[in-house]
Protein backbone atom coordinates (compact mmCIF):
# COMPACT_ATOMS: atom_id res chain seq x y z
CA MET A 1 130.35 98.30 36.25
CA ASP A 2 130.13 96.87 39.77
CA ASP A 3 132.15 99.83 41.02
CA ILE A 4 129.76 102.29 39.30
CA PHE A 5 126.37 100.82 40.25
CA ARG A 6 125.31 99.94 43.80
CA TRP A 7 122.20 98.01 44.77
CA ASN A 8 119.60 100.14 46.56
CA GLU A 9 117.46 97.89 48.72
CA ARG A 10 114.79 100.54 49.29
CA LEU A 11 114.13 101.11 45.59
CA GLY A 12 114.94 97.61 44.38
CA ILE A 13 117.35 98.74 41.65
CA ALA A 14 121.06 99.45 41.27
CA LEU A 15 121.88 103.17 41.25
CA PRO A 16 124.89 104.91 39.74
CA GLU A 17 127.51 106.20 42.16
CA LEU A 18 130.03 108.02 40.01
CA GLN A 19 133.46 108.29 41.62
CA GLN A 20 134.49 111.24 39.43
CA GLU A 21 133.03 113.88 37.17
CA TRP A 22 131.29 112.53 34.05
CA GLU A 23 133.96 114.04 31.79
CA GLY A 24 136.63 112.20 33.78
CA TYR A 25 135.49 108.88 32.36
CA SER A 26 136.67 107.73 28.95
CA GLU A 27 134.17 107.74 26.12
CA GLN A 28 134.12 103.94 26.21
CA VAL A 29 133.36 103.84 29.95
CA ARG A 30 130.68 106.54 29.59
CA ALA A 31 129.02 104.51 26.83
CA ALA A 32 129.09 101.43 29.06
CA ILE A 33 127.60 103.38 31.97
CA VAL A 34 124.79 104.74 29.80
CA THR A 35 124.11 101.28 28.37
CA GLN A 36 123.96 99.72 31.83
CA TRP A 37 121.77 102.56 33.11
CA GLU A 38 119.35 102.05 30.19
CA ILE A 39 118.99 98.40 31.18
CA ILE A 40 118.35 99.34 34.81
CA ARG A 41 116.11 102.25 33.84
CA GLY A 42 113.97 99.87 31.80
CA THR A 43 113.04 98.01 34.99
CA ILE A 44 111.80 101.14 36.80
CA PRO A 45 108.21 101.09 35.42
CA ASP A 46 107.81 97.52 36.72
CA ARG A 47 109.12 98.56 40.14
CA VAL A 48 106.66 101.48 40.21
CA PHE A 49 103.82 99.16 39.25
CA ALA A 50 104.77 96.70 42.02
CA TYR A 51 104.79 99.49 44.62
CA GLU A 52 101.44 100.76 43.33
CA ARG A 53 99.96 97.29 43.79
CA LEU A 54 101.26 97.23 47.37
CA ILE A 55 99.69 100.64 47.99
CA HIS A 56 96.32 99.30 46.81
CA VAL A 57 96.64 96.35 49.18
CA LYS A 58 97.53 98.67 52.05
CA GLN A 59 94.63 101.00 51.20
CA ALA A 60 92.25 98.04 51.36
CA GLU A 61 93.72 97.11 54.76
CA LEU A 62 93.32 100.70 55.91
CA PHE A 63 89.69 100.76 54.80
CA GLU A 64 88.96 97.71 56.96
CA GLU A 65 91.11 98.71 59.96
CA GLU A 66 89.33 100.05 63.02
CA ASP A 67 92.28 100.46 65.39
CA PHE A 68 93.66 104.01 65.19
CA GLU A 69 97.29 103.11 65.93
CA THR A 70 97.27 100.32 63.37
CA SER A 71 95.68 102.71 60.86
CA CYS A 72 98.51 105.17 61.46
CA CYS A 73 101.10 102.44 60.82
CA ILE A 74 99.39 101.39 57.59
CA ASN A 75 99.17 105.02 56.51
CA SER A 76 102.91 105.41 57.16
CA GLU A 77 103.62 102.32 55.07
CA ILE A 78 101.56 103.81 52.22
CA ALA A 79 103.49 107.08 52.49
CA GLU A 80 106.82 105.21 52.34
CA LEU A 81 105.73 103.29 49.24
CA ALA A 82 104.60 106.55 47.61
CA SER A 83 107.99 108.07 48.46
CA ARG A 84 109.73 105.16 46.73
CA ILE A 85 107.59 105.70 43.64
CA ASN A 86 108.50 109.38 43.64
CA ASP A 87 112.21 108.56 43.93
CA LEU A 88 111.94 106.03 41.11
CA HIS A 89 110.31 108.65 38.89
CA ILE A 90 113.21 111.00 39.62
CA TRP A 91 115.76 108.32 38.74
CA TYR A 92 113.82 107.45 35.61
CA ARG A 93 114.21 111.04 34.39
CA ILE A 94 117.97 111.01 35.05
CA ASN A 95 118.51 109.61 31.54
CA GLN A 96 117.33 112.91 30.08
CA GLU A 97 120.36 114.55 31.69
CA ILE A 98 122.87 111.85 30.72
CA GLU A 99 121.74 111.32 27.13
CA PRO A 100 122.82 114.74 25.72
CA ARG A 101 126.26 114.25 27.26
CA ARG A 102 126.63 110.94 25.48
CA HIS A 103 126.40 112.64 22.10
CA SER A 104 128.81 115.48 22.94
């Protein structure tokens, strides 16, 4: 599965990078991909929660910060963390697209 899943540093999870169309994989390989993805997918809520905690820390920093430029940097960091959460939510929903194919 190392050739199917690649670590994504930004999101903190391995993401699938299929080298061919889904139907091009054998049923056995597809089952293994789905199984591995379910394991990875199960970690996404914890990743979201960790990023949410960081956002709360950054918001507290922002509340106390008086320097405008520093405030802008903190605000950018919050936006990046929120973007990661959004991307993780998208990846979490990917299973809904893969699952029906598994039963075909």
